[in-house]
């Protein structure tokens, strides 16, 4: 399956529309995410390693906001607990179709992989099965802030004792100087990966109304309010981080 370079914002647009995960984004998403999110490959691969520690036999492993299924693939590579199955969920029809294709291709390359189900659904109305691992990789930030606590509460109720939620998010910072520094460094990261000033500016305009990052402290407080007993940051690169939340 061909992977196209991300040139979605390379030409001047009279009006920049809000960012949506449509077919155009699907075509370039692997290149976009690699060039936009510092540490993304490390996070994805280690989500599989972390999941292998918390996965319990005959339980569900959720990949919420699965996009093209990179996390689902990592879960299937690393988890060996008997009878587990991966449930990959996304609300974009274009993403779901391509995700199924990628996971089918993975089946042809590896033996004895976990069963996987790809579901097109809104995670806000998804009925959760008992789960030992729930992964949300840069997904919560696209959900309306007032709906985040209720969703996390439902995930907490679905988690089995000894399970874990692994939450990766872009962060904002309460300290203005820290926010400015890490934002500038993130822009430098994008420039180093070949994005022009026009691409950076237009992508920022497209995404600013649909992606609402929180501070690390807000994440920690909300997760505790949702019923999690401990929140452990395990990774940060610039203004992107990943947390383990334990029941």
C-alpha atoms as a PDB file:
ATOM      1  CA  UNK A   1       0.000   0.000   0.000  1.00  0.00           C
ATOM      2  CA  UNK A   2       1.494   3.317  -1.112  1.00  0.00           C
ATOM      3  CA  UNK A   3       2.178   6.048   1.422  1.00  0.00           C
ATOM      4  CA  UNK A   4       2.039   9.554   0.019  1.00  0.00           C
ATOM      5  CA  UNK A   5       3.998  12.546   1.357  1.00  0.00           C
ATOM      6  CA  UNK A   6       1.983  15.114   3.286  1.00  0.00           C
ATOM      7  CA  UNK A   7       1.449  18.111   1.019  1.00  0.00           C
ATOM      8  CA  UNK A   8      -2.096  18.949   2.143  1.00  0.00           C
ATOM      9  CA  UNK A   9      -1.237  22.505   3.155  1.00  0.00           C
ATOM     10  CA  UNK A  10       1.606  23.168   0.715  1.00  0.00           C
ATOM     11  CA  UNK A  11      -0.416  25.518  -1.496  1.00  0.00           C
ATOM     12  CA  UNK A  12      -2.057  28.767  -0.328  1.00  0.00           C
ATOM     13  CA  UNK A  13      -5.738  28.317   0.564  1.00  0.00           C
ATOM     14  CA  UNK A  14      -8.242  31.168   0.366  1.00  0.00           C
ATOM     15  CA  UNK A  15      -9.960  29.789   3.458  1.00  0.00           C
ATOM     16  CA  UNK A  16      -8.455  27.055   5.622  1.00  0.00           C
ATOM     17  CA  UNK A  17     -11.171  24.557   6.630  1.00  0.00           C
ATOM     18  CA  UNK A  18     -11.256  22.839  10.010  1.00  0.00           C
ATOM     19  CA  UNK A  19      -9.159  19.689  10.083  1.00  0.00           C
ATOM     20  CA  UNK A  20     -11.070  16.435   9.509  1.00  0.00           C
ATOM     21  CA  UNK A  21      -9.859  12.843   9.189  1.00  0.00           C
ATOM     22  CA  UNK A  22     -11.100  12.401   5.627  1.00  0.00           C
ATOM     23  CA  UNK A  23      -9.766  10.438   2.667  1.00  0.00           C
ATOM     24  CA  UNK A  24      -7.198  13.161   1.845  1.00  0.00           C
ATOM     25  CA  UNK A  25      -5.737  12.887   5.350  1.00  0.00           C
ATOM     26  CA  UNK A  26      -5.816   9.084   5.245  1.00  0.00           C
ATOM     27  CA  UNK A  27      -3.650   9.106   2.127  1.00  0.00           C
ATOM     28  CA  UNK A  28      -0.854  11.053   3.835  1.00  0.00           C
ATOM     29  CA  UNK A  29      -1.427  10.237   7.509  1.00  0.00           C
ATOM     30  CA  UNK A  30       1.660   8.025   8.114  1.00  0.00           C
ATOM     31  CA  UNK A  31       3.932  10.779   6.771  1.00  0.00           C
ATOM     32  CA  UNK A  32       1.971  13.525   8.548  1.00  0.00           C
ATOM     33  CA  UNK A  33       2.084  11.945  11.984  1.00  0.00           C
ATOM     34  CA  UNK A  34       5.772  10.985  11.756  1.00  0.00           C
ATOM     35  CA  UNK A  35       6.783  14.519  10.743  1.00  0.00           C
ATOM     36  CA  UNK A  36       4.448  16.284  13.190  1.00  0.00           C
ATOM     37  CA  UNK A  37       4.605  14.350  16.486  1.00  0.00           C
ATOM     38  CA  UNK A  38       8.015  14.050  18.166  1.00  0.00           C
ATOM     39  CA  UNK A  39       8.607  10.546  19.480  1.00  0.00           C
ATOM     40  CA  UNK A  40       5.579   9.033  17.752  1.00  0.00           C
ATOM     41  CA  UNK A  41       7.247   5.756  16.626  1.00  0.00           C
ATOM     42  CA  UNK A  42       8.686   5.275  20.129  1.00  0.00           C
ATOM     43  CA  UNK A  43       5.302   5.816  21.746  1.00  0.00           C
ATOM     44  CA  UNK A  44       3.511   3.413  19.412  1.00  0.00           C
ATOM     45  CA  UNK A  45       5.981   0.553  19.731  1.00  0.00           C
ATOM     46  CA  UNK A  46       6.197   0.896  23.489  1.00  0.00           C
ATOM     47  CA  UNK A  47       2.409   0.916  23.811  1.00  0.00           C
ATOM     48  CA  UNK A  48       2.674  -2.704  22.745  1.00  0.00           C
ATOM     49  CA  UNK A  49       5.378  -3.376  25.335  1.00  0.00           C
ATOM     50  CA  UNK A  50       3.321  -1.709  28.083  1.00  0.00           C
ATOM     51  CA  UNK A  51       0.166  -3.533  27.030  1.00  0.00           C
ATOM     52  CA  UNK A  52       1.948  -6.864  27.311  1.00  0.00           C
ATOM     53  CA  UNK A  53       2.482  -6.169  31.027  1.00  0.00           C
ATOM     54  CA  UNK A  54      -1.154  -5.314  31.768  1.00  0.00           C
ATOM     55  CA  UNK A  55      -3.047  -7.560  29.336  1.00  0.00           C
ATOM     56  CA  UNK A  56      -5.046 -10.317  30.986  1.00  0.00           C
ATOM     57  CA  UNK A  57      -6.269 -13.568  29.415  1.00  0.00           C
ATOM     58  CA  UNK A  58      -9.643 -13.515  27.669  1.00  0.00           C
ATOM     59  CA  UNK A  59     -10.097  -9.735  27.895  1.00  0.00           C
ATOM     60  CA  UNK A  60     -10.526  -6.933  25.407  1.00  0.00           C
ATOM     61  CA  UNK A  61      -7.723  -4.565  24.439  1.00  0.00           C
ATOM     62  CA  UNK A  62      -9.088  -1.282  23.088  1.00  0.00           C
ATOM     63  CA  UNK A  63      -7.427   1.049  20.609  1.00  0.00           C
ATOM     64  CA  UNK A  64      -9.674   4.124  20.799  1.00  0.00           C
ATOM     65  CA  UNK A  65      -9.222   6.560  17.940  1.00  0.00           C
ATOM     66  CA  UNK A  66      -7.327   3.869  16.080  1.00  0.00           C
ATOM     67  CA  UNK A  67      -6.774   5.867  12.846  1.00  0.00           C
ATOM     68  CA  UNK A  68      -4.747   3.511  10.613  1.00  0.00           C
ATOM     69  CA  UNK A  69      -4.235   0.923  13.359  1.00  0.00           C
ATOM     70  CA  UNK A  70      -0.590   1.512  14.270  1.00  0.00           C
ATOM     71  CA  UNK A  71      -1.305   0.938  17.967  1.00  0.00           C
ATOM     72  CA  UNK A  72      -3.444  -2.113  17.204  1.00  0.00           C
ATOM     73  CA  UNK A  73      -0.541  -3.563  15.238  1.00  0.00           C
ATOM     74  CA  UNK A  74       1.810  -2.952  18.179  1.00  0.00           C
ATOM     75  CA  UNK A  75      -0.641  -4.612  20.587  1.00  0.00           C
ATOM     76  CA  UNK A  76      -0.838  -7.644  18.328  1.00  0.00           C
ATOM     77  CA  UNK A  77       2.945  -7.886  18.011  1.00  0.00           C
ATOM     78  CA  UNK A  78       3.627  -7.816  21.740  1.00  0.00           C
ATOM     79  CA  UNK A  79       0.673  -9.190  23.720  1.00  0.00           C
ATOM     80  CA  UNK A  80       0.748 -12.944  24.286  1.00  0.00           C
ATOM     81  CA  UNK A  81      -1.979 -13.342  26.923  1.00  0.00           C
ATOM     82  CA  UNK A  82      -4.311 -16.159  25.890  1.00  0.00           C
ATOM     83  CA  UNK A  83      -7.695 -15.282  24.426  1.00  0.00           C
ATOM     84  CA  UNK A  84      -7.210 -11.503  24.198  1.00  0.00           C
ATOM     85  CA  UNK A  85      -8.646  -9.631  21.253  1.00  0.00           C
ATOM     86  CA  UNK A  86      -8.041  -6.125  20.000  1.00  0.00           C
ATOM     87  CA  UNK A  87     -10.985  -3.800  19.358  1.00  0.00           C
ATOM     88  CA  UNK A  88      -9.902  -0.879  17.160  1.00  0.00           C
ATOM     89  CA  UNK A  89     -12.422   1.977  17.091  1.00  0.00           C
ATOM     90  CA  UNK A  90     -12.535   5.112  14.940  1.00  0.00           C
ATOM     91  CA  UNK A  91     -15.353   7.390  13.797  1.00  0.00           C
ATOM     92  CA  UNK A  92     -13.816   8.117  10.379  1.00  0.00           C
ATOM     93  CA  UNK A  93     -15.078   5.766   7.659  1.00  0.00           C
ATOM     94  CA  UNK A  94     -11.985   6.483   5.564  1.00  0.00           C
ATOM     95  CA  UNK A  95      -9.668   5.631   8.458  1.00  0.00           C
ATOM     96  CA  UNK A  96     -11.590   2.452   9.304  1.00  0.00           C
ATOM     97  CA  UNK A  97     -11.426   1.150   5.747  1.00  0.00           C
ATOM     98  CA  UNK A  98      -7.670   1.700   5.497  1.00  0.00           C
ATOM     99  CA  UNK A  99      -7.124   0.361   9.033  1.00  0.00           C
ATOM    100  CA  UNK A 100      -8.750  -2.926   8.035  1.00  0.00           C
ATOM    101  CA  UNK A 101      -6.451  -3.121   5.021  1.00  0.00           C
ATOM    102  CA  UNK A 102      -3.324  -2.573   7.123  1.00  0.00           C
ATOM    103  CA  UNK A 103      -4.360  -5.134   9.747  1.00  0.00           C
ATOM    104  CA  UNK A 104      -5.135  -7.687   7.023  1.00  0.00           C
ATOM    105  CA  UNK A 105      -1.658  -7.088   5.599  1.00  0.00           C
ATOM    106  CA  UNK A 106      -0.199  -7.637   9.078  1.00  0.00           C
ATOM    107  CA  UNK A 107      -1.983 -11.002   9.244  1.00  0.00           C
ATOM    108  CA  UNK A 108      -0.073 -12.109   6.160  1.00  0.00           C
ATOM    109  CA  UNK A 109       3.312 -11.208   7.701  1.00  0.00           C
ATOM    110  CA  UNK A 110       3.018 -12.621  11.233  1.00  0.00           C
ATOM    111  CA  UNK A 111       1.798 -15.875  12.736  1.00  0.00           C
ATOM    112  CA  UNK A 112      -0.440 -16.336  15.803  1.00  0.00           C
ATOM    113  CA  UNK A 113      -1.537 -12.729  16.110  1.00  0.00           C
ATOM    114  CA  UNK A 114      -4.359 -11.665  18.403  1.00  0.00           C
ATOM    115  CA  UNK A 115      -7.804 -11.499  16.854  1.00  0.00           C
ATOM    116  CA  UNK A 116      -8.810  -7.953  15.919  1.00  0.00           C
ATOM    117  CA  UNK A 117     -12.138  -6.245  15.296  1.00  0.00           C
ATOM    118  CA  UNK A 118     -12.242  -2.856  13.574  1.00  0.00           C
ATOM    119  CA  UNK A 119     -15.315  -0.813  14.479  1.00  0.00           C
ATOM    120  CA  UNK A 120     -16.586   2.429  12.974  1.00  0.00           C
ATOM    121  CA  UNK A 121     -18.179   4.174  15.954  1.00  0.00           C
ATOM    122  CA  UNK A 122     -18.183   7.248  18.156  1.00  0.00           C
ATOM    123  CA  UNK A 123     -16.295   6.299  21.313  1.00  0.00           C
ATOM    124  CA  UNK A 124     -18.546   8.644  23.301  1.00  0.00           C
ATOM    125  CA  UNK A 125     -21.459   6.248  22.783  1.00  0.00           C
ATOM    126  CA  UNK A 126     -19.491   2.998  22.588  1.00  0.00           C
ATOM    127  CA  UNK A 127     -20.532   0.252  25.062  1.00  0.00           C
ATOM    128  CA  UNK A 128     -17.280  -1.039  26.550  1.00  0.00           C
ATOM    129  CA  UNK A 129     -16.588  -4.700  27.219  1.00  0.00           C
ATOM    130  CA  UNK A 130     -14.470  -5.739  30.225  1.00  0.00           C
ATOM    131  CA  UNK A 131     -10.957  -4.672  29.231  1.00  0.00           C
ATOM    132  CA  UNK A 132      -7.470  -5.050  30.624  1.00  0.00           C
ATOM    133  CA  UNK A 133      -5.862  -2.425  28.350  1.00  0.00           C
ATOM    134  CA  UNK A 134      -7.311   0.722  26.820  1.00  0.00           C
ATOM    135  CA  UNK A 135      -5.045   2.809  24.585  1.00  0.00           C
ATOM    136  CA  UNK A 136      -5.979   6.355  23.579  1.00  0.00           C
ATOM    137  CA  UNK A 137      -3.194   7.664  21.403  1.00  0.00           C
ATOM    138  CA  UNK A 138      -3.713  11.398  20.693  1.00  0.00           C
ATOM    139  CA  UNK A 139      -7.491  10.951  20.731  1.00  0.00           C
ATOM    140  CA  UNK A 140      -8.836  12.651  23.860  1.00  0.00           C
ATOM    141  CA  UNK A 141      -7.604  16.045  22.632  1.00  0.00           C
ATOM    142  CA  UNK A 142     -10.154  15.889  19.773  1.00  0.00           C
ATOM    143  CA  UNK A 143     -13.085  15.325  22.156  1.00  0.00           C
ATOM    144  CA  UNK A 144     -14.961  18.301  23.583  1.00  0.00           C
ATOM    145  CA  UNK A 145     -13.427  19.152  26.983  1.00  0.00           C
ATOM    146  CA  UNK A 146     -16.779  18.912  28.776  1.00  0.00           C
ATOM    147  CA  UNK A 147     -17.193  15.306  27.560  1.00  0.00           C
ATOM    148  CA  UNK A 148     -13.782  14.001  28.577  1.00  0.00           C
ATOM    149  CA  UNK A 149     -14.439  13.174  32.225  1.00  0.00           C
ATOM    150  CA  UNK A 150     -17.557  11.129  31.472  1.00  0.00           C
ATOM    151  CA  UNK A 151     -15.705   9.112  28.823  1.00  0.00           C
ATOM    152  CA  UNK A 152     -12.778   8.421  31.139  1.00  0.00           C
ATOM    153  CA  UNK A 153     -15.209   7.386  33.867  1.00  0.00           C
ATOM    154  CA  UNK A 154     -16.787   4.809  31.564  1.00  0.00           C
ATOM    155  CA  UNK A 155     -13.351   3.505  30.594  1.00  0.00           C
ATOM    156  CA  UNK A 156     -12.442   3.212  34.266  1.00  0.00           C
ATOM    157  CA  UNK A 157     -15.606   1.197  34.929  1.00  0.00           C
ATOM    158  CA  UNK A 158     -14.744  -1.178  32.068  1.00  0.00           C
ATOM    159  CA  UNK A 159     -11.154  -1.755  33.207  1.00  0.00           C
ATOM    160  CA  UNK A 160     -10.453  -5.002  35.017  1.00  0.00           C
ATOM    161  CA  UNK A 161      -8.440  -4.938  38.257  1.00  0.00           C
ATOM    162  CA  UNK A 162      -4.768  -4.842  37.288  1.00  0.00           C
ATOM    163  CA  UNK A 163      -5.513  -3.295  33.909  1.00  0.00           C
ATOM    164  CA  UNK A 164      -4.387   0.078  32.559  1.00  0.00           C
ATOM    165  CA  UNK A 165      -5.380   3.037  30.437  1.00  0.00           C
ATOM    166  CA  UNK A 166      -2.489   4.362  28.346  1.00  0.00           C
ATOM    167  CA  UNK A 167      -3.172   7.953  27.325  1.00  0.00           C
ATOM    168  CA  UNK A 168      -0.994   9.917  24.903  1.00  0.00           C
ATOM    169  CA  UNK A 169      -1.681  13.620  24.331  1.00  0.00           C
ATOM    170  CA  UNK A 170      -0.210  16.888  23.182  1.00  0.00           C
ATOM    171  CA  UNK A 171       0.293  19.105  26.242  1.00  0.00           C
ATOM    172  CA  UNK A 172      -0.115  22.773  26.893  1.00  0.00           C
ATOM    173  CA  UNK A 173       1.604  24.457  29.823  1.00  0.00           C
ATOM    174  CA  UNK A 174       0.342  26.897  32.434  1.00  0.00           C
ATOM    175  CA  UNK A 175       3.691  28.681  32.541  1.00  0.00           C
ATOM    176  CA  UNK A 176       3.812  31.074  29.590  1.00  0.00           C
ATOM    177  CA  UNK A 177       7.575  30.831  29.112  1.00  0.00           C
ATOM    178  CA  UNK A 178       7.510  27.038  29.153  1.00  0.00           C
ATOM    179  CA  UNK A 179       4.607  27.022  26.702  1.00  0.00           C
ATOM    180  CA  UNK A 180       6.421  29.398  24.344  1.00  0.00           C
ATOM    181  CA  UNK A 181       9.697  27.460  24.492  1.00  0.00           C
ATOM    182  CA  UNK A 182       8.180  24.053  23.835  1.00  0.00           C
ATOM    183  CA  UNK A 183       5.879  25.410  21.146  1.00  0.00           C
ATOM    184  CA  UNK A 184       8.870  27.001  19.399  1.00  0.00           C
ATOM    185  CA  UNK A 185      10.848  23.761  19.660  1.00  0.00           C
ATOM    186  CA  UNK A 186       7.924  21.843  18.177  1.00  0.00           C
ATOM    187  CA  UNK A 187       7.872  24.265  15.245  1.00  0.00           C
ATOM    188  CA  UNK A 188      11.613  23.699  14.824  1.00  0.00           C
ATOM    189  CA  UNK A 189      10.907  19.947  14.762  1.00  0.00           C
ATOM    190  CA  UNK A 190       8.402  20.459  11.935  1.00  0.00           C
ATOM    191  CA  UNK A 191      10.803  22.664   9.986  1.00  0.00           C
ATOM    192  CA  UNK A 192      13.543  20.068  10.384  1.00  0.00           C
ATOM    193  CA  UNK A 193      11.143  17.520   8.902  1.00  0.00           C
ATOM    194  CA  UNK A 194      10.612  19.606   5.783  1.00  0.00           C
ATOM    195  CA  UNK A 195       7.432  21.574   6.485  1.00  0.00           C
ATOM    196  CA  UNK A 196       7.385  25.118   5.107  1.00  0.00           C
ATOM    197  CA  UNK A 197       6.195  28.164   7.034  1.00  0.00           C
ATOM    198  CA  UNK A 198       3.040  28.175   4.885  1.00  0.00           C
ATOM    199  CA  UNK A 199       2.306  24.526   5.697  1.00  0.00           C
ATOM    200  CA  UNK A 200       2.890  25.106   9.402  1.00  0.00           C
ATOM    201  CA  UNK A 201       0.649  28.191   9.491  1.00  0.00           C
ATOM    202  CA  UNK A 202      -2.213  26.646   7.509  1.00  0.00           C
ATOM    203  CA  UNK A 203      -2.135  23.390   9.481  1.00  0.00           C
ATOM    204  CA  UNK A 204      -2.256  25.400  12.718  1.00  0.00           C
ATOM    205  CA  UNK A 205      -5.308  27.304  11.447  1.00  0.00           C
ATOM    206  CA  UNK A 206      -7.007  24.051  10.443  1.00  0.00           C
ATOM    207  CA  UNK A 207      -6.511  22.311  13.744  1.00  0.00           C
ATOM    208  CA  UNK A 208      -6.819  25.043  16.367  1.00  0.00           C
ATOM    209  CA  UNK A 209     -10.625  24.789  16.625  1.00  0.00           C
ATOM    210  CA  UNK A 210     -10.803  20.977  16.707  1.00  0.00           C
ATOM    211  CA  UNK A 211      -7.872  19.994  18.949  1.00  0.00           C
ATOM    212  CA  UNK A 212      -7.881  21.317  22.522  1.00  0.00           C
ATOM    213  CA  UNK A 213      -4.814  20.208  24.544  1.00  0.00           C
ATOM    214  CA  UNK A 214      -4.762  20.110  28.343  1.00  0.00           C
ATOM    215  CA  UNK A 215      -1.986  20.601  30.861  1.00  0.00           C
ATOM    216  CA  UNK A 216      -0.412  17.559  32.465  1.00  0.00           C
ATOM    217  CA  UNK A 217      -1.942  18.635  35.775  1.00  0.00           C
ATOM    218  CA  UNK A 218      -5.415  18.770  34.215  1.00  0.00           C
ATOM    219  CA  UNK A 219      -4.984  15.252  32.843  1.00  0.00           C
ATOM    220  CA  UNK A 220      -3.849  13.949  36.210  1.00  0.00           C
ATOM    221  CA  UNK A 221      -6.694  15.615  38.109  1.00  0.00           C
ATOM    222  CA  UNK A 222      -9.324  14.453  35.608  1.00  0.00           C
ATOM    223  CA  UNK A 223      -8.068  10.878  35.621  1.00  0.00           C
ATOM    224  CA  UNK A 224      -8.229  10.787  39.405  1.00  0.00           C
ATOM    225  CA  UNK A 225     -11.728  12.279  39.282  1.00  0.00           C
ATOM    226  CA  UNK A 226     -12.678   9.478  36.868  1.00  0.00           C
ATOM    227  CA  UNK A 227     -11.659   6.919  39.478  1.00  0.00           C
ATOM    228  CA  UNK A 228      -8.074   6.078  38.625  1.00  0.00           C
ATOM    229  CA  UNK A 229      -5.854   5.572  41.666  1.00  0.00           C
ATOM    230  CA  UNK A 230      -2.471   6.396  40.133  1.00  0.00           C
ATOM    231  CA  UNK A 231      -1.273   8.306  37.069  1.00  0.00           C
ATOM    232  CA  UNK A 232       2.284   7.635  35.913  1.00  0.00           C
ATOM    233  CA  UNK A 233       3.904   9.716  33.140  1.00  0.00           C
ATOM    234  CA  UNK A 234       6.173   7.349  31.223  1.00  0.00           C
ATOM    235  CA  UNK A 235       7.169   9.399  28.179  1.00  0.00           C
ATOM    236  CA  UNK A 236       7.582  13.006  27.094  1.00  0.00           C
ATOM    237  CA  UNK A 237       9.189  14.524  24.020  1.00  0.00           C
ATOM    238  CA  UNK A 238       8.793  18.306  23.763  1.00  0.00           C
ATOM    239  CA  UNK A 239       5.066  19.018  24.231  1.00  0.00           C
ATOM    240  CA  UNK A 240       3.880  15.442  23.644  1.00  0.00           C
ATOM    241  CA  UNK A 241       3.494  12.968  26.479  1.00  0.00           C
ATOM    242  CA  UNK A 242       2.050   9.599  27.416  1.00  0.00           C
ATOM    243  CA  UNK A 243       0.630   8.474  30.758  1.00  0.00           C
ATOM    244  CA  UNK A 244      -0.298   5.176  32.403  1.00  0.00           C
ATOM    245  CA  UNK A 245      -3.487   5.418  34.472  1.00  0.00           C
ATOM    246  CA  UNK A 246      -4.137   2.556  36.885  1.00  0.00           C
ATOM    247  CA  UNK A 247      -7.506   1.576  38.427  1.00  0.00           C
END
